[in-house]
Amino acid sequence: MARDSSLALALDGADFVLVDGAVFATEYLRLPDEDTRADDVVLEARHGDAEFSLTLGEFDAAEPLGDGVFRLKTGELLRLLSQPTVH
């Protein structure tokens, strides 16, 4: 799942991650490619003192629900959000 375009599109430009009602600022993103392994970190995010990271394997086990929303294997909903740009 994770190597398909839905994950790449969701990760590309994701400035924030919404998990359990808390908005985390994205600190690191890696777009998966053919060299990305299951244990490679593709996302790190922080909210105050709380921080988390997700590997490609965790995204592989997640269910994509559309519009940048994924249900992790743990049952948590994760939504990748981009900051709007106003011209």
PDB file of N, CA and C in Angstrom:
ATOM      1  N   MET A   1       0.811  -1.186   0.000  1.00  0.00           N
ATOM      2  CA  MET A   1       0.000   0.000   0.000  1.00  0.00           C
ATOM      3  C   MET A   1       0.854   1.248   0.000  1.00  0.00           C
ATOM      4  N   ALA A   2       1.816   1.362   0.892  1.00  0.00           N
ATOM      5  CA  ALA A   2       2.497   2.630   1.128  1.00  0.00           C
ATOM      6  C   ALA A   2       3.293   3.123  -0.065  1.00  0.00           C
ATOM      7  N   ARG A   3       3.700   2.239  -0.942  1.00  0.00           N
ATOM      8  CA  ARG A   3       4.489   2.696  -2.077  1.00  0.00           C
ATOM      9  C   ARG A   3       3.620   3.234  -3.206  1.00  0.00           C
ATOM     10  N   ASP A   4       2.291   3.173  -3.035  1.00  0.00           N
ATOM     11  CA  ASP A   4       1.439   3.706  -4.093  1.00  0.00           C
ATOM     12  C   ASP A   4       1.358   5.226  -3.982  1.00  0.00           C
ATOM     13  N   SER A   5       0.723   5.823  -4.956  1.00  0.00           N
ATOM     14  CA  SER A   5       0.707   7.281  -5.048  1.00  0.00           C
ATOM     15  C   SER A   5      -0.103   7.952  -3.946  1.00  0.00           C
ATOM     16  N   SER A   6      -1.063   7.271  -3.314  1.00  0.00           N
ATOM     17  CA  SER A   6      -1.861   7.922  -2.275  1.00  0.00           C
ATOM     18  C   SER A   6      -0.997   8.328  -1.081  1.00  0.00           C
ATOM     19  N   LEU A   7      -0.051   7.498  -0.676  1.00  0.00           N
ATOM     20  CA  LEU A   7       0.830   7.865   0.433  1.00  0.00           C
ATOM     21  C   LEU A   7       1.777   8.972   0.010  1.00  0.00           C
ATOM     22  N   ALA A   8       2.364   8.849  -1.172  1.00  0.00           N
ATOM     23  CA  ALA A   8       3.289   9.878  -1.650  1.00  0.00           C
ATOM     24  C   ALA A   8       2.587  11.227  -1.761  1.00  0.00           C
ATOM     25  N   LEU A   9       1.379  11.241  -2.297  1.00  0.00           N
ATOM     26  CA  LEU A   9       0.628  12.493  -2.409  1.00  0.00           C
ATOM     27  C   LEU A   9       0.297  13.071  -1.038  1.00  0.00           C
ATOM     28  N   ALA A  10      -0.095  12.220  -0.105  1.00  0.00           N
ATOM     29  CA  ALA A  10      -0.448  12.684   1.242  1.00  0.00           C
ATOM     30  C   ALA A  10       0.780  13.207   1.980  1.00  0.00           C
ATOM     31  N   LEU A  11       1.910  12.532   1.847  1.00  0.00           N
ATOM     32  CA  LEU A  11       3.126  12.958   2.541  1.00  0.00           C
ATOM     33  C   LEU A  11       3.732  14.211   1.920  1.00  0.00           C
ATOM     34  N   ASP A  12       3.626  14.335   0.606  1.00  0.00           N
ATOM     35  CA  ASP A  12       4.248  15.449  -0.091  1.00  0.00           C
ATOM     36  C   ASP A  12       3.624  16.761   0.362  1.00  0.00           C
ATOM     37  N   GLY A  13       4.393  17.553   1.078  1.00  0.00           N
ATOM     38  CA  GLY A  13       3.914  18.854   1.547  1.00  0.00           C
ATOM     39  C   GLY A  13       3.076  18.812   2.796  1.00  0.00           C
ATOM     40  N   ALA A  14       3.015  17.682   3.478  1.00  0.00           N
ATOM     41  CA  ALA A  14       2.234  17.604   4.718  1.00  0.00           C
ATOM     42  C   ALA A  14       2.948  18.405   5.804  1.00  0.00           C
ATOM     43  N   ASP A  15       2.354  19.525   6.178  1.00  0.00           N
ATOM     44  CA  ASP A  15       2.943  20.383   7.201  1.00  0.00           C
ATOM     45  C   ASP A  15       2.544  19.973   8.608  1.00  0.00           C
ATOM     46  N   PHE A  16       1.379  19.311   8.708  1.00  0.00           N
ATOM     47  CA  PHE A  16       0.826  18.933  10.007  1.00  0.00           C
ATOM     48  C   PHE A  16       0.241  17.534   9.934  1.00  0.00           C
ATOM     49  N   VAL A  17       0.121  16.908  11.119  1.00  0.00           N
ATOM     50  CA  VAL A  17      -0.491  15.598  11.243  1.00  0.00           C
ATOM     51  C   VAL A  17      -1.510  15.683  12.375  1.00  0.00           C
ATOM     52  N   LEU A  18      -2.738  15.282  12.102  1.00  0.00           N
ATOM     53  CA  LEU A  18      -3.791  15.268  13.115  1.00  0.00           C
ATOM     54  C   LEU A  18      -3.936  13.839  13.617  1.00  0.00           C
ATOM     55  N   VAL A  19      -3.713  13.637  14.923  1.00  0.00           N
ATOM     56  CA  VAL A  19      -3.832  12.321  15.552  1.00  0.00           C
ATOM     57  C   VAL A  19      -4.595  12.496  16.851  1.00  0.00           C
ATOM     58  N   ASP A  20      -5.701  11.785  16.994  1.00  0.00           N
ATOM     59  CA  ASP A  20      -6.505  11.837  18.217  1.00  0.00           C
ATOM     60  C   ASP A  20      -6.832  13.266  18.643  1.00  0.00           C
ATOM     61  N   GLY A  21      -7.159  14.125  17.700  1.00  0.00           N
ATOM     62  CA  GLY A  21      -7.557  15.496  18.001  1.00  0.00           C
ATOM     63  C   GLY A  21      -6.409  16.455  18.262  1.00  0.00           C
ATOM     64  N   ALA A  22      -5.188  15.975  18.268  1.00  0.00           N
ATOM     65  CA  ALA A  22      -4.025  16.839  18.488  1.00  0.00           C
ATOM     66  C   ALA A  22      -3.324  17.084  17.156  1.00  0.00           C
ATOM     67  N   VAL A  23      -2.936  18.331  16.920  1.00  0.00           N
ATOM     68  CA  VAL A  23      -2.229  18.686  15.697  1.00  0.00           C
ATOM     69  C   VAL A  23      -0.729  18.705  15.983  1.00  0.00           C
ATOM     70  N   PHE A  24      -0.005  17.886  15.258  1.00  0.00           N
ATOM     71  CA  PHE A  24       1.446  17.788  15.377  1.00  0.00           C
ATOM     72  C   PHE A  24       2.073  18.488  14.183  1.00  0.00           C
ATOM     73  N   ALA A  25       3.142  19.232  14.407  1.00  0.00           N
ATOM     74  CA  ALA A  25       3.891  19.860  13.317  1.00  0.00           C
ATOM     75  C   ALA A  25       4.862  18.835  12.745  1.00  0.00           C
ATOM     76  N   THR A  26       4.869  18.713  11.451  1.00  0.00           N
ATOM     77  CA  THR A  26       5.772  17.788  10.779  1.00  0.00           C
ATOM     78  C   THR A  26       7.196  18.319  10.856  1.00  0.00           C
ATOM     79  N   GLU A  27       8.108  17.479  11.309  1.00  0.00           N
ATOM     80  CA  GLU A  27       9.511  17.871  11.405  1.00  0.00           C
ATOM     81  C   GLU A  27      10.376  17.169  10.370  1.00  0.00           C
ATOM     82  N   TYR A  28       9.942  16.007   9.902  1.00  0.00           N
ATOM     83  CA  TYR A  28      10.713  15.245   8.919  1.00  0.00           C
ATOM     84  C   TYR A  28       9.746  14.445   8.064  1.00  0.00           C
ATOM     85  N   LEU A  29       9.957  14.469   6.766  1.00  0.00           N
ATOM     86  CA  LEU A  29       9.197  13.656   5.819  1.00  0.00           C
ATOM     87  C   LEU A  29      10.156  13.007   4.837  1.00  0.00           C
ATOM     88  N   ARG A  30       9.886  11.776   4.510  1.00  0.00           N
ATOM     89  CA  ARG A  30      10.642  11.093   3.457  1.00  0.00           C
ATOM     90  C   ARG A  30       9.630  10.452   2.528  1.00  0.00           C
ATOM     91  N   LEU A  31       9.627  10.875   1.285  1.00  0.00           N
ATOM     92  CA  LEU A  31       8.740  10.250   0.314  1.00  0.00           C
ATOM     93  C   LEU A  31       9.294   8.874  -0.034  1.00  0.00           C
ATOM     94  N   PRO A  32       8.482   7.831   0.133  1.00  0.00           N
ATOM     95  CA  PRO A  32       8.957   6.476  -0.163  1.00  0.00           C
ATOM     96  C   PRO A  32       9.304   6.305  -1.643  1.00  0.00           C
ATOM     97  N   ASP A  33      10.376   5.582  -1.892  1.00  0.00           N
ATOM     98  CA  ASP A  33      10.763   5.223  -3.245  1.00  0.00           C
ATOM     99  C   ASP A  33      11.212   3.766  -3.227  1.00  0.00           C
ATOM    100  N   GLU A  34      11.764   3.312  -4.319  1.00  0.00           N
ATOM    101  CA  GLU A  34      12.144   1.899  -4.400  1.00  0.00           C
ATOM    102  C   GLU A  34      13.265   1.524  -3.429  1.00  0.00           C
ATOM    103  N   ASP A  35      13.996   2.496  -2.897  1.00  0.00           N
ATOM    104  CA  ASP A  35      15.066   2.219  -1.948  1.00  0.00           C
ATOM    105  C   ASP A  35      14.620   2.294  -0.489  1.00  0.00           C
ATOM    106  N   THR A  36      13.388   2.697  -0.239  1.00  0.00           N
ATOM    107  CA  THR A  36      12.876   2.835   1.129  1.00  0.00           C
ATOM    108  C   THR A  36      12.500   1.457   1.662  1.00  0.00           C
ATOM    109  N   ARG A  37      13.017   1.138   2.839  1.00  0.00           N
ATOM    110  CA  ARG A  37      12.739  -0.154   3.475  1.00  0.00           C
ATOM    111  C   ARG A  37      11.673   0.010   4.550  1.00  0.00           C
ATOM    112  N   ALA A  38      11.088  -1.098   4.965  1.00  0.00           N
ATOM    113  CA  ALA A  38       9.985  -1.079   5.930  1.00  0.00           C
ATOM    114  C   ALA A  38      10.362  -0.410   7.249  1.00  0.00           C
ATOM    115  N   ASP A  39      11.625  -0.507   7.677  1.00  0.00           N
ATOM    116  CA  ASP A  39      12.010   0.073   8.964  1.00  0.00           C
ATOM    117  C   ASP A  39      12.537   1.503   8.846  1.00  0.00           C
ATOM    118  N   ASP A  40      12.479   2.080   7.638  1.00  0.00           N
ATOM    119  CA  ASP A  40      12.897   3.471   7.448  1.00  0.00           C
ATOM    120  C   ASP A  40      11.804   4.422   7.933  1.00  0.00           C
ATOM    121  N   VAL A  41      12.205   5.433   8.672  1.00  0.00           N
ATOM    122  CA  VAL A  41      11.261   6.448   9.151  1.00  0.00           C
ATOM    123  C   VAL A  41      10.865   7.328   7.971  1.00  0.00           C
ATOM    124  N   VAL A  42       9.559   7.510   7.779  1.00  0.00           N
ATOM    125  CA  VAL A  42       9.071   8.373   6.710  1.00  0.00           C
ATOM    126  C   VAL A  42       8.376   9.623   7.258  1.00  0.00           C
ATOM    127  N   LEU A  43       8.092   9.651   8.566  1.00  0.00           N
ATOM    128  CA  LEU A  43       7.416  10.790   9.158  1.00  0.00           C
ATOM    129  C   LEU A  43       7.824  10.960  10.614  1.00  0.00           C
ATOM    130  N   GLU A  44       8.194  12.178  10.985  1.00  0.00           N
ATOM    131  CA  GLU A  44       8.407  12.554  12.385  1.00  0.00           C
ATOM    132  C   GLU A  44       7.620  13.831  12.617  1.00  0.00           C
ATOM    133  N   ALA A  45       6.923  13.902  13.763  1.00  0.00           N
ATOM    134  CA  ALA A  45       6.112  15.077  14.067  1.00  0.00           C
ATOM    135  C   ALA A  45       6.166  15.375  15.562  1.00  0.00           C
ATOM    136  N   ARG A  46       5.889  16.659  15.910  1.00  0.00           N
ATOM    137  CA  ARG A  46       5.976  17.110  17.307  1.00  0.00           C
ATOM    138  C   ARG A  46       4.799  18.015  17.651  1.00  0.00           C
ATOM    139  N   HIS A  47       4.333  17.871  18.904  1.00  0.00           N
ATOM    140  CA  HIS A  47       3.305  18.736  19.493  1.00  0.00           C
ATOM    141  C   HIS A  47       3.753  19.029  20.925  1.00  0.00           C
ATOM    142  N   GLY A  48       4.313  20.223  21.139  1.00  0.00           N
ATOM    143  CA  GLY A  48       4.873  20.529  22.457  1.00  0.00           C
ATOM    144  C   GLY A  48       6.007  19.573  22.769  1.00  0.00           C
ATOM    145  N   ASP A  49       5.906  18.890  23.896  1.00  0.00           N
ATOM    146  CA  ASP A  49       6.927  17.918  24.283  1.00  0.00           C
ATOM    147  C   ASP A  49       6.684  16.531  23.695  1.00  0.00           C
ATOM    148  N   ALA A  50       5.500  16.321  23.135  1.00  0.00           N
ATOM    149  CA  ALA A  50       5.164  15.014  22.567  1.00  0.00           C
ATOM    150  C   ALA A  50       5.666  14.932  21.130  1.00  0.00           C
ATOM    151  N   GLU A  51       6.222  13.793  20.793  1.00  0.00           N
ATOM    152  CA  GLU A  51       6.668  13.572  19.425  1.00  0.00           C
ATOM    153  C   GLU A  51       6.490  12.105  19.068  1.00  0.00           C
ATOM    154  N   PHE A  52       6.384  11.845  17.783  1.00  0.00           N
ATOM    155  CA  PHE A  52       6.283  10.466  17.328  1.00  0.00           C
ATOM    156  C   PHE A  52       6.897  10.343  15.947  1.00  0.00           C
ATOM    157  N   SER A  53       7.160   9.114  15.559  1.00  0.00           N
ATOM    158  CA  SER A  53       7.659   8.829  14.218  1.00  0.00           C
ATOM    159  C   SER A  53       6.948   7.592  13.704  1.00  0.00           C
ATOM    160  N   LEU A  54       6.844   7.503  12.386  1.00  0.00           N
ATOM    161  CA  LEU A  54       6.230   6.347  11.745  1.00  0.00           C
ATOM    162  C   LEU A  54       7.165   5.836  10.663  1.00  0.00           C
ATOM    163  N   THR A  55       7.263   4.536  10.583  1.00  0.00           N
ATOM    164  CA  THR A  55       8.084   3.907   9.554  1.00  0.00           C
ATOM    165  C   THR A  55       7.233   3.555   8.337  1.00  0.00           C
ATOM    166  N   LEU A  56       7.898   3.220   7.263  1.00  0.00           N
ATOM    167  CA  LEU A  56       7.185   2.793   6.069  1.00  0.00           C
ATOM    168  C   LEU A  56       6.367   1.539   6.370  1.00  0.00           C
ATOM    169  N   GLY A  57       6.900   0.654   7.172  1.00  0.00           N
ATOM    170  CA  GLY A  57       6.174  -0.566   7.537  1.00  0.00           C
ATOM    171  C   GLY A  57       4.871  -0.267   8.257  1.00  0.00           C
ATOM    172  N   GLU A  58       4.877   0.755   9.109  1.00  0.00           N
ATOM    173  CA  GLU A  58       3.645   1.136   9.800  1.00  0.00           C
ATOM    174  C   GLU A  58       2.617   1.686   8.817  1.00  0.00           C
ATOM    175  N   PHE A  59       3.079   2.428   7.808  1.00  0.00           N
ATOM    176  CA  PHE A  59       2.158   2.893   6.775  1.00  0.00           C
ATOM    177  C   PHE A  59       1.696   1.734   5.897  1.00  0.00           C
ATOM    178  N   ASP A  60       2.585   0.770   5.634  1.00  0.00           N
ATOM    179  CA  ASP A  60       2.197  -0.404   4.851  1.00  0.00           C
ATOM    180  C   ASP A  60       1.045  -1.148   5.527  1.00  0.00           C
ATOM    181  N   ALA A  61       1.056  -1.178   6.854  1.00  0.00           N
ATOM    182  CA  ALA A  61       0.018  -1.879   7.607  1.00  0.00           C
ATOM    183  C   ALA A  61      -1.228  -1.017   7.829  1.00  0.00           C
ATOM    184  N   ALA A  62      -1.179   0.253   7.423  1.00  0.00           N
ATOM    185  CA  ALA A  62      -2.304   1.159   7.624  1.00  0.00           C
ATOM    186  C   ALA A  62      -3.321   1.022   6.494  1.00  0.00           C
ATOM    187  N   GLU A  63      -4.561   1.357   6.813  1.00  0.00           N
ATOM    188  CA  GLU A  63      -5.626   1.350   5.818  1.00  0.00           C
ATOM    189  C   GLU A  63      -5.843   2.769   5.312  1.00  0.00           C
ATOM    190  N   PRO A  64      -5.637   3.016   4.014  1.00  0.00           N
ATOM    191  CA  PRO A  64      -5.889   4.355   3.480  1.00  0.00           C
ATOM    192  C   PRO A  64      -7.394   4.592   3.361  1.00  0.00           C
ATOM    193  N   LEU A  65      -7.858   5.717   3.910  1.00  0.00           N
ATOM    194  CA  LEU A  65      -9.288   6.035   3.891  1.00  0.00           C
ATOM    195  C   LEU A  65      -9.608   7.172   2.933  1.00  0.00           C
ATOM    196  N   GLY A  66      -8.584   7.734   2.291  1.00  0.00           N
ATOM    197  CA  GLY A  66      -8.785   8.822   1.339  1.00  0.00           C
ATOM    198  C   GLY A  66      -8.525  10.174   1.955  1.00  0.00           C
ATOM    199  N   ASP A  67      -8.256  11.168   1.108  1.00  0.00           N
ATOM    200  CA  ASP A  67      -8.010  12.550   1.536  1.00  0.00           C
ATOM    201  C   ASP A  67      -6.922  12.675   2.595  1.00  0.00           C
ATOM    202  N   GLY A  68      -5.878  11.862   2.493  1.00  0.00           N
ATOM    203  CA  GLY A  68      -4.766  11.952   3.435  1.00  0.00           C
ATOM    204  C   GLY A  68      -5.041  11.349   4.797  1.00  0.00           C
ATOM    205  N   VAL A  69      -6.091  10.534   4.907  1.00  0.00           N
ATOM    206  CA  VAL A  69      -6.453   9.896   6.182  1.00  0.00           C
ATOM    207  C   VAL A  69      -6.071   8.420   6.118  1.00  0.00           C
ATOM    208  N   PHE A  70      -5.436   7.957   7.192  1.00  0.00           N
ATOM    209  CA  PHE A  70      -5.020   6.560   7.294  1.00  0.00           C
ATOM    210  C   PHE A  70      -5.418   6.021   8.663  1.00  0.00           C
ATOM    211  N   ARG A  71      -5.930   4.795   8.700  1.00  0.00           N
ATOM    212  CA  ARG A  71      -6.184   4.114   9.972  1.00  0.00           C
ATOM    213  C   ARG A  71      -4.991   3.210  10.230  1.00  0.00           C
ATOM    214  N   LEU A  72      -4.244   3.553  11.293  1.00  0.00           N
ATOM    215  CA  LEU A  72      -3.070   2.758  11.638  1.00  0.00           C
ATOM    216  C   LEU A  72      -3.488   1.404  12.178  1.00  0.00           C
ATOM    217  N   LYS A  73      -2.577   0.467  12.179  1.00  0.00           N
ATOM    218  CA  LYS A  73      -2.847  -0.885  12.688  1.00  0.00           C
ATOM    219  C   LYS A  73      -3.310  -0.830  14.148  1.00  0.00           C
ATOM    220  N   THR A  74      -2.863   0.199  14.881  1.00  0.00           N
ATOM    221  CA  THR A  74      -3.257   0.367  16.282  1.00  0.00           C
ATOM    222  C   THR A  74      -4.697   0.865  16.419  1.00  0.00           C
ATOM    223  N   GLY A  75      -5.319   1.255  15.286  1.00  0.00           N
ATOM    224  CA  GLY A  75      -6.686   1.751  15.311  1.00  0.00           C
ATOM    225  C   GLY A  75      -6.798   3.263  15.288  1.00  0.00           C
ATOM    226  N   GLU A  76      -5.700   3.960  15.516  1.00  0.00           N
ATOM    227  CA  GLU A  76      -5.715   5.413  15.512  1.00  0.00           C
ATOM    228  C   GLU A  76      -5.895   5.942  14.097  1.00  0.00           C
ATOM    229  N   LEU A  77      -6.620   7.064  13.998  1.00  0.00           N
ATOM    230  CA  LEU A  77      -6.757   7.753  12.725  1.00  0.00           C
ATOM    231  C   LEU A  77      -5.695   8.823  12.636  1.00  0.00           C
ATOM    232  N   LEU A  78      -5.043   8.876  11.508  1.00  0.00           N
ATOM    233  CA  LEU A  78      -3.989   9.843  11.251  1.00  0.00           C
ATOM    234  C   LEU A  78      -4.369  10.601   9.986  1.00  0.00           C
ATOM    235  N   ARG A  79      -4.351  11.921  10.043  1.00  0.00           N
ATOM    236  CA  ARG A  79      -4.655  12.733   8.859  1.00  0.00           C
ATOM    237  C   ARG A  79      -3.473  13.643   8.577  1.00  0.00           C
ATOM    238  N   LEU A  80      -2.975  13.594   7.365  1.00  0.00           N
ATOM    239  CA  LEU A  80      -1.872  14.444   6.926  1.00  0.00           C
ATOM    240  C   LEU A  80      -2.471  15.716   6.326  1.00  0.00           C
ATOM    241  N   LEU A  81      -2.011  16.875   6.825  1.00  0.00           N
ATOM    242  CA  LEU A  81      -2.576  18.155   6.414  1.00  0.00           C
ATOM    243  C   LEU A  81      -1.502  19.055   5.834  1.00  0.00           C
ATOM    244  N   SER A  82      -1.860  19.803   4.813  1.00  0.00           N
ATOM    245  CA  SER A  82      -0.970  20.793   4.221  1.00  0.00           C
ATOM    246  C   SER A  82      -1.460  22.180   4.586  1.00  0.00           C
ATOM    247  N   GLN A  83      -0.527  23.065   4.807  1.00  0.00           N
ATOM    248  CA  GLN A  83      -0.865  24.445   5.115  1.00  0.00           C
ATOM    249  C   GLN A  83      -1.337  25.117   3.818  1.00  0.00           C
ATOM    250  N   PRO A  84      -2.479  25.789   3.858  1.00  0.00           N
ATOM    251  CA  PRO A  84      -2.947  26.437   2.629  1.00  0.00           C
ATOM    252  C   PRO A  84      -2.045  27.603   2.245  1.00  0.00           C
ATOM    253  N   THR A  85      -1.889  27.781   0.957  1.00  0.00           N
ATOM    254  CA  THR A  85      -1.106  28.895   0.439  1.00  0.00           C
ATOM    255  C   THR A  85      -2.053  29.893  -0.188  1.00  0.00           C
ATOM    256  N   VAL A  86      -1.970  31.143   0.229  1.00  0.00           N
ATOM    257  CA  VAL A  86      -2.818  32.179  -0.310  1.00  0.00           C
ATOM    258  C   VAL A  86      -1.951  33.091  -1.180  1.00  0.00           C
ATOM    259  N   HIS A  87      -2.401  33.309  -2.399  1.00  0.00           N
ATOM    260  CA  HIS A  87      -1.658  34.155  -3.324  1.00  0.00           C
ATOM    261  C   HIS A  87      -2.380  35.470  -3.468  1.00  0.00           C
TER     262      HIS A  87
END
